[in-house]
PDB file of N, CA and C in Angstrom:
ATOM      1  N   MET A   1       0.768  -1.079  -0.062  1.00  0.00           N
ATOM      2  CA  MET A   1      -0.277  -0.118  -0.325  1.00  0.00           C
ATOM      3  C   MET A   1       0.630   1.448  -0.338  1.00  0.00           C
ATOM      4  N   THR A   2       1.738   1.065   1.053  1.00  0.00           N
ATOM      5  CA  THR A   2       2.943   2.664   0.976  1.00  0.00           C
ATOM      6  C   THR A   2       3.568   2.656   0.140  1.00  0.00           C
ATOM      7  N   GLU A   3       3.424   1.886  -1.279  1.00  0.00           N
ATOM      8  CA  GLU A   3       4.497   2.664  -2.362  1.00  0.00           C
ATOM      9  C   GLU A   3       3.252   3.182  -3.565  1.00  0.00           C
ATOM     10  N   LYS A   4       1.744   2.644  -3.517  1.00  0.00           N
ATOM     11  CA  LYS A   4       1.207   2.495  -4.534  1.00  0.00           C
ATOM     12  C   LYS A   4      -0.118   4.032  -3.853  1.00  0.00           C
ATOM     13  N   TRP A   5       0.278   4.727  -2.360  1.00  0.00           N
ATOM     14  CA  TRP A   5       0.410   5.608  -1.772  1.00  0.00           C
ATOM     15  C   TRP A   5       1.162   6.978  -2.287  1.00  0.00           C
ATOM     16  N   CYS A   6       2.604   6.416  -2.290  1.00  0.00           N
ATOM     17  CA  CYS A   6       3.662   7.327  -2.162  1.00  0.00           C
ATOM     18  C   CYS A   6       3.234   7.526  -3.992  1.00  0.00           C
ATOM     19  N   GLN A   7       2.996   7.087  -5.191  1.00  0.00           N
ATOM     20  CA  GLN A   7       3.103   6.883  -6.005  1.00  0.00           C
ATOM     21  C   GLN A   7       2.254   8.181  -6.707  1.00  0.00           C
ATOM     22  N   LEU A   8       0.831   8.368  -5.727  1.00  0.00           N
ATOM     23  CA  LEU A   8      -0.223   8.925  -5.444  1.00  0.00           C
ATOM     24  C   LEU A   8       0.461   9.974  -5.749  1.00  0.00           C
ATOM     25  N   LEU A   9       0.515  10.730  -4.413  1.00  0.00           N
ATOM     26  CA  LEU A   9       1.280  11.260  -4.074  1.00  0.00           C
ATOM     27  C   LEU A   9       2.035  11.990  -5.417  1.00  0.00           C
ATOM     28  N   VAL A  10       2.942  11.125  -5.724  1.00  0.00           N
ATOM     29  CA  VAL A  10       3.794  11.721  -7.136  1.00  0.00           C
ATOM     30  C   VAL A  10       2.848  12.143  -7.724  1.00  0.00           C
ATOM     31  N   ASP A  11       1.936  11.297  -8.587  1.00  0.00           N
ATOM     32  CA  ASP A  11       0.869  11.652  -9.097  1.00  0.00           C
ATOM     33  C   ASP A  11       0.064  12.868  -9.157  1.00  0.00           C
ATOM     34  N   GLU A  12      -0.350  13.078  -8.646  1.00  0.00           N
ATOM     35  CA  GLU A  12      -1.283  14.624  -8.081  1.00  0.00           C
ATOM     36  C   GLU A  12       0.118  15.383  -7.718  1.00  0.00           C
ATOM     37  N   ILE A  13       0.729  15.457  -7.510  1.00  0.00           N
ATOM     38  CA  ILE A  13       1.553  17.061  -7.876  1.00  0.00           C
ATOM     39  C   ILE A  13       2.184  16.762  -8.789  1.00  0.00           C
ATOM     40  N   SER A  14       2.307  16.060  -9.406  1.00  0.00           N
ATOM     41  CA  SER A  14       3.037  16.001 -11.026  1.00  0.00           C
ATOM     42  C   SER A  14       1.752  16.607 -11.812  1.00  0.00           C
ATOM     43  N   SER A  15       0.613  16.540 -11.370  1.00  0.00           N
ATOM     44  CA  SER A  15      -0.991  17.046 -12.138  1.00  0.00           C
ATOM     45  C   SER A  15      -1.003  19.031 -12.035  1.00  0.00           C
ATOM     46  N   HIS A  16      -0.750  19.455 -10.854  1.00  0.00           N
ATOM     47  CA  HIS A  16      -0.616  20.244 -10.447  1.00  0.00           C
ATOM     48  C   HIS A  16       0.562  21.155 -11.410  1.00  0.00           C
ATOM     49  N   LEU A  17       1.677  20.569 -12.094  1.00  0.00           N
ATOM     50  CA  LEU A  17       2.853  21.116 -12.145  1.00  0.00           C
ATOM     51  C   LEU A  17       2.547  21.509 -14.012  1.00  0.00           C
ATOM     52  N   SER A  18       3.163  22.598 -14.355  1.00  0.00           N
ATOM     53  CA  SER A  18       3.482  22.696 -16.028  1.00  0.00           C
ATOM     54  C   SER A  18       5.122  21.471 -16.229  1.00  0.00           C
ATOM     55  N   ALA A  19       4.794  21.265 -17.620  1.00  0.00           N
ATOM     56  CA  ALA A  19       6.049  20.438 -18.052  1.00  0.00           C
ATOM     57  C   ALA A  19       7.156  20.749 -17.453  1.00  0.00           C
ATOM     58  N   GLU A  20       8.123  22.444 -17.250  1.00  0.00           N
ATOM     59  CA  GLU A  20       8.952  22.905 -17.286  1.00  0.00           C
ATOM     60  C   GLU A  20       9.487  22.386 -15.287  1.00  0.00           C
ATOM     61  N   GLN A  21       7.817  22.403 -14.721  1.00  0.00           N
ATOM     62  CA  GLN A  21       8.033  23.130 -13.651  1.00  0.00           C
ATOM     63  C   GLN A  21       8.416  20.830 -13.325  1.00  0.00           C
ATOM     64  N   ARG A  22       7.676  21.161 -13.688  1.00  0.00           N
ATOM     65  CA  ARG A  22       7.772  18.704 -13.519  1.00  0.00           C
ATOM     66  C   ARG A  22       9.151  18.599 -13.584  1.00  0.00           C
ATOM     67  N   VAL A  23      10.106  19.373 -14.663  1.00  0.00           N
ATOM     68  CA  VAL A  23      10.975  18.872 -14.521  1.00  0.00           C
ATOM     69  C   VAL A  23      12.391  19.471 -13.557  1.00  0.00           C
ATOM     70  N   LEU A  24      11.887  19.967 -13.455  1.00  0.00           N
ATOM     71  CA  LEU A  24      12.570  20.592 -11.848  1.00  0.00           C
ATOM     72  C   LEU A  24      12.497  20.096 -10.385  1.00  0.00           C
ATOM     73  N   LEU A  25      11.607  19.550 -10.639  1.00  0.00           N
ATOM     74  CA  LEU A  25      11.147  18.995  -9.210  1.00  0.00           C
ATOM     75  C   LEU A  25      11.216  17.108  -9.288  1.00  0.00           C
ATOM     76  N   TRP A  26      11.724  16.916 -10.770  1.00  0.00           N
ATOM     77  CA  TRP A  26      11.148  15.330 -10.486  1.00  0.00           C
ATOM     78  C   TRP A  26      12.535  14.878  -9.682  1.00  0.00           C
ATOM     79  N   PRO A  27      13.769  15.567  -9.879  1.00  0.00           N
ATOM     80  CA  PRO A  27      14.744  14.887  -8.305  1.00  0.00           C
ATOM     81  C   PRO A  27      14.180  14.626  -7.011  1.00  0.00           C
ATOM     82  N   TYR A  28      13.177  15.655  -6.605  1.00  0.00           N
ATOM     83  CA  TYR A  28      12.418  15.829  -5.541  1.00  0.00           C
ATOM     84  C   TYR A  28      11.759  15.242  -5.333  1.00  0.00           C
ATOM     85  N   MET A  29      10.635  14.695  -5.893  1.00  0.00           N
ATOM     86  CA  MET A  29       9.866  13.298  -6.166  1.00  0.00           C
ATOM     87  C   MET A  29      10.493  12.260  -6.230  1.00  0.00           C
ATOM     88  N   GLN A  30      10.635  12.127  -6.956  1.00  0.00           N
ATOM     89  CA  GLN A  30      11.810  10.836  -6.705  1.00  0.00           C
ATOM     90  C   GLN A  30      11.965  10.515  -5.102  1.00  0.00           C
ATOM     91  N   GLU A  31      12.967  11.765  -4.779  1.00  0.00           N
ATOM     92  CA  GLU A  31      13.698  11.558  -3.606  1.00  0.00           C
ATOM     93  C   GLU A  31      12.099  11.017  -2.216  1.00  0.00           C
ATOM     94  N   ILE A  32      11.102  11.817  -2.356  1.00  0.00           N
ATOM     95  CA  ILE A  32      10.449  11.677  -1.220  1.00  0.00           C
ATOM     96  C   ILE A  32      10.230   9.970  -1.406  1.00  0.00           C
ATOM     97  N   GLN A  33       9.450   9.777  -2.349  1.00  0.00           N
ATOM     98  CA  GLN A  33       9.634   8.138  -2.978  1.00  0.00           C
ATOM     99  C   GLN A  33      10.117   7.348  -2.305  1.00  0.00           C
ATOM    100  N   GLN A  34      11.958   7.816  -2.236  1.00  0.00           N
ATOM    101  CA  GLN A  34      12.966   6.776  -1.367  1.00  0.00           C
ATOM    102  C   GLN A  34      13.249   7.027  -0.251  1.00  0.00           C
ATOM    103  N   LEU A  35      12.692   8.174   0.178  1.00  0.00           N
ATOM    104  CA  LEU A  35      12.281   8.077   2.046  1.00  0.00           C
ATOM    105  C   LEU A  35      10.826   7.604   2.130  1.00  0.00           C
ATOM    106  N   PHE A  36       9.721   7.582   1.357  1.00  0.00           N
ATOM    107  CA  PHE A  36       8.836   6.807   2.120  1.00  0.00           C
ATOM    108  C   PHE A  36       9.191   5.602   2.444  1.00  0.00           C
ATOM    109  N   LEU A  37       9.495   5.267   0.924  1.00  0.00           N
ATOM    110  CA  LEU A  37      10.158   3.377   1.021  1.00  0.00           C
ATOM    111  C   LEU A  37      11.235   2.948   2.077  1.00  0.00           C
ATOM    112  N   LYS A  38      12.299   4.296   2.747  1.00  0.00           N
ATOM    113  CA  LYS A  38      13.336   3.791   3.432  1.00  0.00           C
ATOM    114  C   LYS A  38      12.416   3.978   5.142  1.00  0.00           C
ATOM    115  N   GLU A  39      12.061   4.726   4.956  1.00  0.00           N
ATOM    116  CA  GLU A  39      11.179   4.162   6.045  1.00  0.00           C
ATOM    117  C   GLU A  39      10.315   2.811   6.147  1.00  0.00           C
ATOM    118  N   ARG A  40       9.475   3.015   5.293  1.00  0.00           N
ATOM    119  CA  ARG A  40       8.812   2.029   5.364  1.00  0.00           C
ATOM    120  C   ARG A  40       9.843   0.444   6.147  1.00  0.00           C
ATOM    121  N   SER A  41      10.828  -0.234   5.464  1.00  0.00           N
ATOM    122  CA  SER A  41      11.558  -0.373   5.966  1.00  0.00           C
ATOM    123  C   SER A  41      12.455  -0.187   7.299  1.00  0.00           C
ATOM    124  N   ARG A  42      12.400   0.740   7.593  1.00  0.00           N
ATOM    125  CA  ARG A  42      12.793   1.338   9.020  1.00  0.00           C
ATOM    126  C   ARG A  42      12.006   0.385  10.021  1.00  0.00           C
ATOM    127  N   LEU A  43       9.961   0.426   9.196  1.00  0.00           N
ATOM    128  CA  LEU A  43       9.617   0.633  10.817  1.00  0.00           C
ATOM    129  C   LEU A  43       9.040  -0.778  10.529  1.00  0.00           C
ATOM    130  N   GLY A  44       9.668  -1.951   9.990  1.00  0.00           N
ATOM    131  CA  GLY A  44       9.441  -3.283   9.580  1.00  0.00           C
ATOM    132  C   GLY A  44       9.095  -3.695   8.513  1.00  0.00           C
ATOM    133  N   TYR A  45       8.475  -2.992   7.863  1.00  0.00           N
ATOM    134  CA  TYR A  45       7.103  -3.329   6.921  1.00  0.00           C
ATOM    135  C   TYR A  45       7.757  -3.943   5.519  1.00  0.00           C
ATOM    136  N   LYS A  46       6.985  -5.462   5.106  1.00  0.00           N
ATOM    137  CA  LYS A  46       7.888  -5.797   3.967  1.00  0.00           C
ATOM    138  C   LYS A  46       8.083  -5.177   2.891  1.00  0.00           C
ATOM    139  N   GLN A  47       8.280  -5.395   1.378  1.00  0.00           N
ATOM    140  CA  GLN A  47       8.538  -4.884  -0.009  1.00  0.00           C
ATOM    141  C   GLN A  47       7.327  -5.606  -0.052  1.00  0.00           C
ATOM    142  N   GLU A  48       6.415  -4.617  -0.741  1.00  0.00           N
ATOM    143  CA  GLU A  48       4.778  -5.172  -1.818  1.00  0.00           C
ATOM    144  C   GLU A  48       4.940  -5.700  -2.915  1.00  0.00           C
ATOM    145  N   LEU A  49       4.499  -6.866  -3.304  1.00  0.00           N
ATOM    146  CA  LEU A  49       5.184  -7.068  -4.783  1.00  0.00           C
ATOM    147  C   LEU A  49       3.730  -8.016  -5.507  1.00  0.00           C
ATOM    148  N   ALA A  50       3.501  -6.973  -6.893  1.00  0.00           N
ATOM    149  CA  ALA A  50       2.607  -7.908  -7.847  1.00  0.00           C
ATOM    150  C   ALA A  50       0.907  -7.446  -6.557  1.00  0.00           C
ATOM    151  N   GLY A  51       1.053  -5.738  -5.916  1.00  0.00           N
ATOM    152  CA  GLY A  51      -0.219  -5.564  -5.023  1.00  0.00           C
ATOM    153  C   GLY A  51      -0.155  -6.451  -3.701  1.00  0.00           C
ATOM    154  N   ASP A  52       0.124  -7.008  -3.550  1.00  0.00           N
ATOM    155  CA  ASP A  52      -0.184  -8.460  -2.141  1.00  0.00           C
ATOM    156  C   ASP A  52       1.485  -7.948  -1.212  1.00  0.00           C
ATOM    157  N   VAL A  53       0.672  -7.682  -0.220  1.00  0.00           N
ATOM    158  CA  VAL A  53       1.748  -7.466   0.704  1.00  0.00           C
ATOM    159  C   VAL A  53       2.496  -8.990   1.068  1.00  0.00           C
ATOM    160  N   VAL A  54       3.658  -9.233   1.161  1.00  0.00           N
ATOM    161  CA  VAL A  54       4.845 -10.284   0.835  1.00  0.00           C
ATOM    162  C   VAL A  54       4.807 -10.514   2.455  1.00  0.00           C
TER     163      VAL A  54
END
């Protein structure tokens, strides 16, 4: 679920940006995703595969 919510957040932010803004903010949005995934791992949640929690 975490991965899907992270992607939804990035998609929502992207939908409100111009193409130029998207290019400028893309590295930050990728970092947001990585931080969420890192925190998920730190909290003990396992990686999600094919829509199921492993």
